[in-house]
Each structure stands twice: as C-alpha cells, then as structure tokens.
Amino acid sequence: MDTLFIHAIEAVATASFLPREAKQPYVHVAIRKVDTVKLLLLMLWETKSLEEKQYIALSLQLDEAGRQLGGWNGQLTKNSPAIRREEK
C-alpha cells in the first residue's frame, strides 16, 4: 500500500510540472493508485486487520484525495483541445 501511495504522489508531482495537454495520463495513474489503496484498505478492514477508527480516518482522507483528483481530471477533460474542436 505504501508503494501504491508513493506512486500516486509521484504521478501528481509529475503532472503538476507538465503542460496542461500532457497532465491527464498522470492524473489517471494517480486516480488508479488511490482507488487501489482504497480497495486494499477496505480489505484490511473486512478481514479485521484494521480497526474501524483507523479505517474511517484513512478512508476520509483517501476519499478527499479521490475527489480532488477527479475534479482535476474533470477540468482537464473539460478544457481539452480535442473536445473543444469536436464541439465546433
């Protein structure tokens, strides 16, 4: 899980320094990694390997990160030159 989270952070850091048109693949990677961490966290909780309080605290933070990444992805999609060309 640590490695997945580090890869998500790396993808976000990379995307933040790229031009707008090159960001989306890295944002997608970050979303996939965070979603995988969320799934693994759920599995830990369901197998009683993680206390409910810990699960809730971590899930809330991961959900917020997911919302922010989803918003970023939405902005990139909305402002994509390919989409704007199709609308004309």
PDB file of N, CA and C in Angstrom:
ATOM      1  N   MET A   1       0.825  -1.190   0.000  1.00  0.00           N
ATOM      2  CA  MET A   1       0.000   0.000   0.000  1.00  0.00           C
ATOM      3  C   MET A   1       0.868   1.251   0.000  1.00  0.00           C
ATOM      4  N   ASP A   2       1.949   1.196   0.742  1.00  0.00           N
ATOM      5  CA  ASP A   2       2.842   2.356   0.779  1.00  0.00           C
ATOM      6  C   ASP A   2       3.374   2.679  -0.615  1.00  0.00           C
ATOM      7  N   THR A   3       3.769   1.644  -1.328  1.00  0.00           N
ATOM      8  CA  THR A   3       4.317   1.834  -2.669  1.00  0.00           C
ATOM      9  C   THR A   3       3.274   2.430  -3.607  1.00  0.00           C
ATOM     10  N   LEU A   4       2.039   1.946  -3.527  1.00  0.00           N
ATOM     11  CA  LEU A   4       0.969   2.494  -4.367  1.00  0.00           C
ATOM     12  C   LEU A   4       0.761   3.978  -4.079  1.00  0.00           C
ATOM     13  N   PHE A   5       0.752   4.314  -2.802  1.00  0.00           N
ATOM     14  CA  PHE A   5       0.537   5.706  -2.423  1.00  0.00           C
ATOM     15  C   PHE A   5       1.701   6.582  -2.897  1.00  0.00           C
ATOM     16  N   ILE A   6       2.905   6.078  -2.781  1.00  0.00           N
ATOM     17  CA  ILE A   6       4.077   6.828  -3.268  1.00  0.00           C
ATOM     18  C   ILE A   6       3.988   7.028  -4.776  1.00  0.00           C
ATOM     19  N   HIS A   7       3.531   6.025  -5.503  1.00  0.00           N
ATOM     20  CA  HIS A   7       3.372   6.153  -6.954  1.00  0.00           C
ATOM     21  C   HIS A   7       2.300   7.194  -7.294  1.00  0.00           C
ATOM     22  N   ALA A   8       1.238   7.243  -6.493  1.00  0.00           N
ATOM     23  CA  ALA A   8       0.193   8.257  -6.701  1.00  0.00           C
ATOM     24  C   ALA A   8       0.769   9.654  -6.492  1.00  0.00           C
ATOM     25  N   ILE A   9       1.542   9.822  -5.445  1.00  0.00           N
ATOM     26  CA  ILE A   9       2.162  11.122  -5.166  1.00  0.00           C
ATOM     27  C   ILE A   9       3.120  11.492  -6.288  1.00  0.00           C
ATOM     28  N   GLU A  10       3.885  10.527  -6.755  1.00  0.00           N
ATOM     29  CA  GLU A  10       4.818  10.774  -7.854  1.00  0.00           C
ATOM     30  C   GLU A  10       4.076  11.203  -9.125  1.00  0.00           C
ATOM     31  N   ALA A  11       2.949  10.554  -9.418  1.00  0.00           N
ATOM     32  CA  ALA A  11       2.166  10.916 -10.608  1.00  0.00           C
ATOM     33  C   ALA A  11       1.608  12.329 -10.486  1.00  0.00           C
ATOM     34  N   VAL A  12       1.134  12.694  -9.311  1.00  0.00           N
ATOM     35  CA  VAL A  12       0.615  14.048  -9.084  1.00  0.00           C
ATOM     36  C   VAL A  12       1.745  15.072  -9.223  1.00  0.00           C
ATOM     37  N   ALA A  13       2.877  14.771  -8.632  1.00  0.00           N
ATOM     38  CA  ALA A  13       4.016  15.698  -8.722  1.00  0.00           C
ATOM     39  C   ALA A  13       4.459  15.871 -10.172  1.00  0.00           C
ATOM     40  N   THR A  14       4.503  14.787 -10.913  1.00  0.00           N
ATOM     41  CA  THR A  14       4.894  14.863 -12.320  1.00  0.00           C
ATOM     42  C   THR A  14       3.893  15.700 -13.105  1.00  0.00           C
ATOM     43  N   ALA A  15       2.611  15.413 -12.922  1.00  0.00           N
ATOM     44  CA  ALA A  15       1.565  16.151 -13.649  1.00  0.00           C
ATOM     45  C   ALA A  15       1.608  17.642 -13.344  1.00  0.00           C
ATOM     46  N   SER A  16       1.943  17.976 -12.125  1.00  0.00           N
ATOM     47  CA  SER A  16       1.923  19.393 -11.739  1.00  0.00           C
ATOM     48  C   SER A  16       2.969  20.221 -12.480  1.00  0.00           C
ATOM     49  N   PHE A  17       4.008  19.579 -13.007  1.00  0.00           N
ATOM     50  CA  PHE A  17       5.063  20.306 -13.714  1.00  0.00           C
ATOM     51  C   PHE A  17       4.946  20.218 -15.228  1.00  0.00           C
ATOM     52  N   LEU A  18       3.953  19.500 -15.715  1.00  0.00           N
ATOM     53  CA  LEU A  18       3.799  19.320 -17.155  1.00  0.00           C
ATOM     54  C   LEU A  18       2.859  20.365 -17.749  1.00  0.00           C
ATOM     55  N   PRO A  19       2.962  20.588 -19.058  1.00  0.00           N
ATOM     56  CA  PRO A  19       1.981  21.458 -19.702  1.00  0.00           C
ATOM     57  C   PRO A  19       0.590  20.808 -19.625  1.00  0.00           C
ATOM     58  N   ARG A  20      -0.434  21.619 -19.662  1.00  0.00           N
ATOM     59  CA  ARG A  20      -1.815  21.164 -19.486  1.00  0.00           C
ATOM     60  C   ARG A  20      -2.157  19.943 -20.348  1.00  0.00           C
ATOM     61  N   GLU A  21      -1.756  19.950 -21.601  1.00  0.00           N
ATOM     62  CA  GLU A  21      -2.134  18.868 -22.520  1.00  0.00           C
ATOM     63  C   GLU A  21      -1.447  17.544 -22.206  1.00  0.00           C
ATOM     64  N   ALA A  22      -0.432  17.542 -21.367  1.00  0.00           N
ATOM     65  CA  ALA A  22       0.292  16.311 -21.034  1.00  0.00           C
ATOM     66  C   ALA A  22      -0.035  15.782 -19.632  1.00  0.00           C
ATOM     67  N   LYS A  23      -0.873  16.467 -18.888  1.00  0.00           N
ATOM     68  CA  LYS A  23      -1.146  16.119 -17.489  1.00  0.00           C
ATOM     69  C   LYS A  23      -2.051  14.902 -17.308  1.00  0.00           C
ATOM     70  N   GLN A  24      -3.065  14.766 -18.154  1.00  0.00           N
ATOM     71  CA  GLN A  24      -4.128  13.806 -17.902  1.00  0.00           C
ATOM     72  C   GLN A  24      -3.677  12.358 -17.709  1.00  0.00           C
ATOM     73  N   PRO A  25      -2.733  11.833 -18.476  1.00  0.00           N
ATOM     74  CA  PRO A  25      -2.310  10.445 -18.212  1.00  0.00           C
ATOM     75  C   PRO A  25      -1.764  10.248 -16.794  1.00  0.00           C
ATOM     76  N   TYR A  26      -1.081  11.234 -16.280  1.00  0.00           N
ATOM     77  CA  TYR A  26      -0.523  11.128 -14.924  1.00  0.00           C
ATOM     78  C   TYR A  26      -1.612  11.259 -13.868  1.00  0.00           C
ATOM     79  N   VAL A  27      -2.605  12.082 -14.133  1.00  0.00           N
ATOM     80  CA  VAL A  27      -3.744  12.195 -13.217  1.00  0.00           C
ATOM     81  C   VAL A  27      -4.499  10.871 -13.194  1.00  0.00           C
ATOM     82  N   HIS A  28      -4.665  10.234 -14.354  1.00  0.00           N
ATOM     83  CA  HIS A  28      -5.324   8.923 -14.405  1.00  0.00           C
ATOM     84  C   HIS A  28      -4.557   7.885 -13.587  1.00  0.00           C
ATOM     85  N   VAL A  29      -3.247   7.902 -13.676  1.00  0.00           N
ATOM     86  CA  VAL A  29      -2.425   6.966 -12.892  1.00  0.00           C
ATOM     87  C   VAL A  29      -2.658   7.208 -11.396  1.00  0.00           C
ATOM     88  N   ALA A  30      -2.642   8.465 -10.993  1.00  0.00           N
ATOM     89  CA  ALA A  30      -2.852   8.794  -9.579  1.00  0.00           C
ATOM     90  C   ALA A  30      -4.219   8.323  -9.106  1.00  0.00           C
ATOM     91  N   ILE A  31      -5.246   8.514  -9.931  1.00  0.00           N
ATOM     92  CA  ILE A  31      -6.594   8.063  -9.572  1.00  0.00           C
ATOM     93  C   ILE A  31      -6.620   6.547  -9.399  1.00  0.00           C
ATOM     94  N   ARG A  32      -6.014   5.818 -10.330  1.00  0.00           N
ATOM     95  CA  ARG A  32      -5.980   4.353 -10.230  1.00  0.00           C
ATOM     96  C   ARG A  32      -5.249   3.893  -8.973  1.00  0.00           C
ATOM     97  N   LYS A  33      -4.153   4.532  -8.655  1.00  0.00           N
ATOM     98  CA  LYS A  33      -3.373   4.135  -7.475  1.00  0.00           C
ATOM     99  C   LYS A  33      -4.158   4.406  -6.190  1.00  0.00           C
ATOM    100  N   VAL A  34      -4.783   5.572  -6.100  1.00  0.00           N
ATOM    101  CA  VAL A  34      -5.570   5.904  -4.907  1.00  0.00           C
ATOM    102  C   VAL A  34      -6.760   4.953  -4.784  1.00  0.00           C
ATOM    103  N   ASP A  35      -7.424   4.640  -5.891  1.00  0.00           N
ATOM    104  CA  ASP A  35      -8.536   3.687  -5.853  1.00  0.00           C
ATOM    105  C   ASP A  35      -8.071   2.312  -5.379  1.00  0.00           C
ATOM    106  N   THR A  36      -6.896   1.899  -5.798  1.00  0.00           N
ATOM    107  CA  THR A  36      -6.356   0.609  -5.367  1.00  0.00           C
ATOM    108  C   THR A  36      -6.048   0.616  -3.877  1.00  0.00           C
ATOM    109  N   VAL A  37      -5.491   1.711  -3.387  1.00  0.00           N
ATOM    110  CA  VAL A  37      -5.221   1.829  -1.947  1.00  0.00           C
ATOM    111  C   VAL A  37      -6.539   1.758  -1.168  1.00  0.00           C
ATOM    112  N   LYS A  38      -7.568   2.431  -1.677  1.00  0.00           N
ATOM    113  CA  LYS A  38      -8.879   2.387  -1.010  1.00  0.00           C
ATOM    114  C   LYS A  38      -9.427   0.964  -0.945  1.00  0.00           C
ATOM    115  N   LEU A  39      -9.276   0.213  -2.028  1.00  0.00           N
ATOM    116  CA  LEU A  39      -9.744  -1.170  -2.059  1.00  0.00           C
ATOM    117  C   LEU A  39      -8.966  -2.042  -1.073  1.00  0.00           C
ATOM    118  N   LEU A  40      -7.657  -1.886  -1.048  1.00  0.00           N
ATOM    119  CA  LEU A  40      -6.836  -2.662  -0.111  1.00  0.00           C
ATOM    120  C   LEU A  40      -7.153  -2.300   1.342  1.00  0.00           C
ATOM    121  N   LEU A  41      -7.405  -1.032   1.579  1.00  0.00           N
ATOM    122  CA  LEU A  41      -7.783  -0.588   2.919  1.00  0.00           C
ATOM    123  C   LEU A  41      -9.099  -1.240   3.349  1.00  0.00           C
ATOM    124  N   LEU A  42     -10.045  -1.300   2.427  1.00  0.00           N
ATOM    125  CA  LEU A  42     -11.322  -1.958   2.711  1.00  0.00           C
ATOM    126  C   LEU A  42     -11.117  -3.434   3.031  1.00  0.00           C
ATOM    127  N   MET A  43     -10.247  -4.077   2.275  1.00  0.00           N
ATOM    128  CA  MET A  43      -9.954  -5.491   2.534  1.00  0.00           C
ATOM    129  C   MET A  43      -9.334  -5.680   3.915  1.00  0.00           C
ATOM    130  N   LEU A  44      -8.435  -4.777   4.300  1.00  0.00           N
ATOM    131  CA  LEU A  44      -7.838  -4.859   5.636  1.00  0.00           C
ATOM    132  C   LEU A  44      -8.902  -4.729   6.719  1.00  0.00           C
ATOM    133  N   TRP A  45      -9.836  -3.810   6.523  1.00  0.00           N
ATOM    134  CA  TRP A  45     -10.899  -3.609   7.500  1.00  0.00           C
ATOM    135  C   TRP A  45     -11.822  -4.822   7.559  1.00  0.00           C
ATOM    136  N   GLU A  46     -12.195  -5.360   6.396  1.00  0.00           N
ATOM    137  CA  GLU A  46     -13.104  -6.506   6.358  1.00  0.00           C
ATOM    138  C   GLU A  46     -12.487  -7.757   6.971  1.00  0.00           C
ATOM    139  N   THR A  47     -11.190  -7.878   6.901  1.00  0.00           N
ATOM    140  CA  THR A  47     -10.522  -9.042   7.495  1.00  0.00           C
ATOM    141  C   THR A  47     -10.116  -8.779   8.946  1.00  0.00           C
ATOM    142  N   LYS A  48     -10.581  -7.667   9.472  1.00  0.00           N
ATOM    143  CA  LYS A  48     -10.309  -7.285  10.873  1.00  0.00           C
ATOM    144  C   LYS A  48      -8.827  -7.047  11.141  1.00  0.00           C
ATOM    145  N   SER A  49      -8.099  -6.688  10.102  1.00  0.00           N
ATOM    146  CA  SER A  49      -6.678  -6.373  10.260  1.00  0.00           C
ATOM    147  C   SER A  49      -6.468  -4.895  10.555  1.00  0.00           C
ATOM    148  N   LEU A  50      -7.552  -4.145  10.533  1.00  0.00           N
ATOM    149  CA  LEU A  50      -7.503  -2.708  10.765  1.00  0.00           C
ATOM    150  C   LEU A  50      -8.710  -2.330  11.609  1.00  0.00           C
ATOM    151  N   GLU A  51      -8.480  -1.539  12.634  1.00  0.00           N
ATOM    152  CA  GLU A  51      -9.580  -1.105  13.487  1.00  0.00           C
ATOM    153  C   GLU A  51     -10.484  -0.128  12.741  1.00  0.00           C
ATOM    154  N   GLU A  52     -11.745  -0.113  13.143  1.00  0.00           N
ATOM    155  CA  GLU A  52     -12.732   0.729  12.464  1.00  0.00           C
ATOM    156  C   GLU A  52     -12.358   2.207  12.495  1.00  0.00           C
ATOM    157  N   LYS A  53     -11.855   2.684  13.621  1.00  0.00           N
ATOM    158  CA  LYS A  53     -11.460   4.099  13.719  1.00  0.00           C
ATOM    159  C   LYS A  53     -10.351   4.437  12.728  1.00  0.00           C
ATOM    160  N   GLN A  54      -9.385   3.546  12.610  1.00  0.00           N
ATOM    161  CA  GLN A  54      -8.291   3.752  11.655  1.00  0.00           C
ATOM    162  C   GLN A  54      -8.822   3.730  10.228  1.00  0.00           C
ATOM    163  N   TYR A  55      -9.712   2.778   9.950  1.00  0.00           N
ATOM    164  CA  TYR A  55     -10.283   2.663   8.613  1.00  0.00           C
ATOM    165  C   TYR A  55     -11.032   3.942   8.243  1.00  0.00           C
ATOM    166  N   ILE A  56     -11.838   4.431   9.152  1.00  0.00           N
ATOM    167  CA  ILE A  56     -12.624   5.645   8.886  1.00  0.00           C
ATOM    168  C   ILE A  56     -11.710   6.836   8.653  1.00  0.00           C
ATOM    169  N   ALA A  57     -10.723   7.001   9.516  1.00  0.00           N
ATOM    170  CA  ALA A  57      -9.809   8.146   9.387  1.00  0.00           C
ATOM    171  C   ALA A  57      -9.064   8.118   8.050  1.00  0.00           C
ATOM    172  N   LEU A  58      -8.559   6.963   7.682  1.00  0.00           N
ATOM    173  CA  LEU A  58      -7.831   6.844   6.415  1.00  0.00           C
ATOM    174  C   LEU A  58      -8.762   6.962   5.219  1.00  0.00           C
ATOM    175  N   SER A  59      -9.934   6.367   5.306  1.00  0.00           N
ATOM    176  CA  SER A  59     -10.890   6.414   4.196  1.00  0.00           C
ATOM    177  C   SER A  59     -11.330   7.844   3.895  1.00  0.00           C
ATOM    178  N   LEU A  60     -11.571   8.619   4.929  1.00  0.00           N
ATOM    179  CA  LEU A  60     -11.987  10.006   4.718  1.00  0.00           C
ATOM    180  C   LEU A  60     -10.924  10.791   3.957  1.00  0.00           C
ATOM    181  N   GLN A  61      -9.688  10.595   4.332  1.00  0.00           N
ATOM    182  CA  GLN A  61      -8.604  11.311   3.646  1.00  0.00           C
ATOM    183  C   GLN A  61      -8.425  10.821   2.213  1.00  0.00           C
ATOM    184  N   LEU A  62      -8.527   9.516   2.003  1.00  0.00           N
ATOM    185  CA  LEU A  62      -8.407   8.975   0.652  1.00  0.00           C
ATOM    186  C   LEU A  62      -9.580   9.401  -0.228  1.00  0.00           C
ATOM    187  N   ASP A  63     -10.778   9.469   0.354  1.00  0.00           N
ATOM    188  CA  ASP A  63     -11.933   9.944  -0.401  1.00  0.00           C
ATOM    189  C   ASP A  63     -11.741  11.388  -0.845  1.00  0.00           C
ATOM    190  N   GLU A  64     -11.218  12.210   0.039  1.00  0.00           N
ATOM    191  CA  GLU A  64     -10.961  13.612  -0.314  1.00  0.00           C
ATOM    192  C   GLU A  64      -9.918  13.711  -1.420  1.00  0.00           C
ATOM    193  N   ALA A  65      -8.861  12.923  -1.325  1.00  0.00           N
ATOM    194  CA  ALA A  65      -7.839  12.913  -2.380  1.00  0.00           C
ATOM    195  C   ALA A  65      -8.459  12.471  -3.702  1.00  0.00           C
ATOM    196  N   GLY A  66      -9.326  11.469  -3.656  1.00  0.00           N
ATOM    197  CA  GLY A  66     -10.006  10.997  -4.856  1.00  0.00           C
ATOM    198  C   GLY A  66     -10.898  12.066  -5.470  1.00  0.00           C
ATOM    199  N   ARG A  67     -11.617  12.814  -4.632  1.00  0.00           N
ATOM    200  CA  ARG A  67     -12.463  13.904  -5.130  1.00  0.00           C
ATOM    201  C   ARG A  67     -11.620  14.985  -5.795  1.00  0.00           C
ATOM    202  N   GLN A  68     -10.505  15.321  -5.180  1.00  0.00           N
ATOM    203  CA  GLN A  68      -9.641  16.352  -5.757  1.00  0.00           C
ATOM    204  C   GLN A  68      -9.044  15.892  -7.085  1.00  0.00           C
ATOM    205  N   LEU A  69      -8.610  14.650  -7.152  1.00  0.00           N
ATOM    206  CA  LEU A  69      -8.074  14.119  -8.406  1.00  0.00           C
ATOM    207  C   LEU A  69      -9.164  14.056  -9.475  1.00  0.00           C
ATOM    208  N   GLY A  70     -10.353  13.646  -9.078  1.00  0.00           N
ATOM    209  CA  GLY A  70     -11.471  13.605 -10.018  1.00  0.00           C
ATOM    210  C   GLY A  70     -11.817  14.993 -10.547  1.00  0.00           C
ATOM    211  N   GLY A  71     -11.773  15.994  -9.676  1.00  0.00           N
ATOM    212  CA  GLY A  71     -12.016  17.372 -10.108  1.00  0.00           C
ATOM    213  C   GLY A  71     -10.953  17.851 -11.073  1.00  0.00           C
ATOM    214  N   TRP A  72      -9.711  17.520 -10.782  1.00  0.00           N
ATOM    215  CA  TRP A  72      -8.602  17.898 -11.665  1.00  0.00           C
ATOM    216  C   TRP A  72      -8.782  17.239 -13.028  1.00  0.00           C
ATOM    217  N   ASN A  73      -9.120  15.945 -13.011  1.00  0.00           N
ATOM    218  CA  ASN A  73      -9.348  15.218 -14.253  1.00  0.00           C
ATOM    219  C   ASN A  73     -10.516  15.831 -15.033  1.00  0.00           C
ATOM    220  N   GLY A  74     -11.563  16.209 -14.322  1.00  0.00           N
ATOM    221  CA  GLY A  74     -12.711  16.831 -14.969  1.00  0.00           C
ATOM    222  C   GLY A  74     -12.349  18.144 -15.639  1.00  0.00           C
ATOM    223  N   GLN A  75     -11.538  18.952 -14.971  1.00  0.00           N
ATOM    224  CA  GLN A  75     -11.101  20.220 -15.559  1.00  0.00           C
ATOM    225  C   GLN A  75     -10.237  19.980 -16.793  1.00  0.00           C
ATOM    226  N   LEU A  76      -9.377  18.997 -16.722  1.00  0.00           N
ATOM    227  CA  LEU A  76      -8.526  18.691 -17.874  1.00  0.00           C
ATOM    228  C   LEU A  76      -9.365  18.192 -19.051  1.00  0.00           C
ATOM    229  N   THR A  77     -10.370  17.382 -18.769  1.00  0.00           N
ATOM    230  CA  THR A  77     -11.245  16.864 -19.817  1.00  0.00           C
ATOM    231  C   THR A  77     -12.085  17.985 -20.416  1.00  0.00           C
ATOM    232  N   LYS A  78     -12.621  18.820 -19.545  1.00  0.00           N
ATOM    233  CA  LYS A  78     -13.480  19.929 -19.979  1.00  0.00           C
ATOM    234  C   LYS A  78     -12.720  20.902 -20.870  1.00  0.00           C
ATOM    235  N   ASN A  79     -11.481  21.143 -20.568  1.00  0.00           N
ATOM    236  CA  ASN A  79     -10.682  22.117 -21.303  1.00  0.00           C
ATOM    237  C   ASN A  79      -9.783  21.490 -22.360  1.00  0.00           C
ATOM    238  N   SER A  80     -10.013  20.209 -22.662  1.00  0.00           N
ATOM    239  CA  SER A  80      -9.179  19.512 -23.634  1.00  0.00           C
ATOM    240  C   SER A  80      -9.376  20.085 -25.035  1.00  0.00           C
ATOM    241  N   PRO A  81      -8.290  20.380 -25.746  1.00  0.00           N
ATOM    242  CA  PRO A  81      -8.418  20.908 -27.112  1.00  0.00           C
ATOM    243  C   PRO A  81      -9.187  19.970 -28.039  1.00  0.00           C
ATOM    244  N   ALA A  82      -9.039  18.661 -27.869  1.00  0.00           N
ATOM    245  CA  ALA A  82      -9.732  17.704 -28.726  1.00  0.00           C
ATOM    246  C   ALA A  82     -11.244  17.814 -28.545  1.00  0.00           C
ATOM    247  N   ILE A  83     -11.685  18.000 -27.329  1.00  0.00           N
ATOM    248  CA  ILE A  83     -13.107  18.129 -27.059  1.00  0.00           C
ATOM    249  C   ILE A  83     -13.629  19.454 -27.613  1.00  0.00           C
ATOM    250  N   ARG A  84     -12.876  20.518 -27.420  1.00  0.00           N
ATOM    251  CA  ARG A  84     -13.313  21.814 -27.933  1.00  0.00           C
ATOM    252  C   ARG A  84     -13.435  21.791 -29.449  1.00  0.00           C
ATOM    253  N   ARG A  85     -12.548  21.083 -30.139  1.00  0.00           N
ATOM    254  CA  ARG A  85     -12.622  21.004 -31.609  1.00  0.00           C
ATOM    255  C   ARG A  85     -13.879  20.256 -32.028  1.00  0.00           C
ATOM    256  N   GLU A  86     -14.259  19.215 -31.300  1.00  0.00           N
ATOM    257  CA  GLU A  86     -15.439  18.435 -31.650  1.00  0.00           C
ATOM    258  C   GLU A  86     -16.719  19.235 -31.451  1.00  0.00           C
ATOM    259  N   GLU A  87     -16.734  20.151 -30.494  1.00  0.00           N
ATOM    260  CA  GLU A  87     -17.925  20.937 -30.210  1.00  0.00           C
ATOM    261  C   GLU A  87     -18.197  21.977 -31.287  1.00  0.00           C
ATOM    262  N   LYS A  88     -17.192  22.379 -32.042  1.00  0.00           N
ATOM    263  CA  LYS A  88     -17.365  23.436 -33.066  1.00  0.00           C
ATOM    264  C   LYS A  88     -18.029  22.927 -34.307  1.00  0.00           C
TER     265      LYS A  88
END
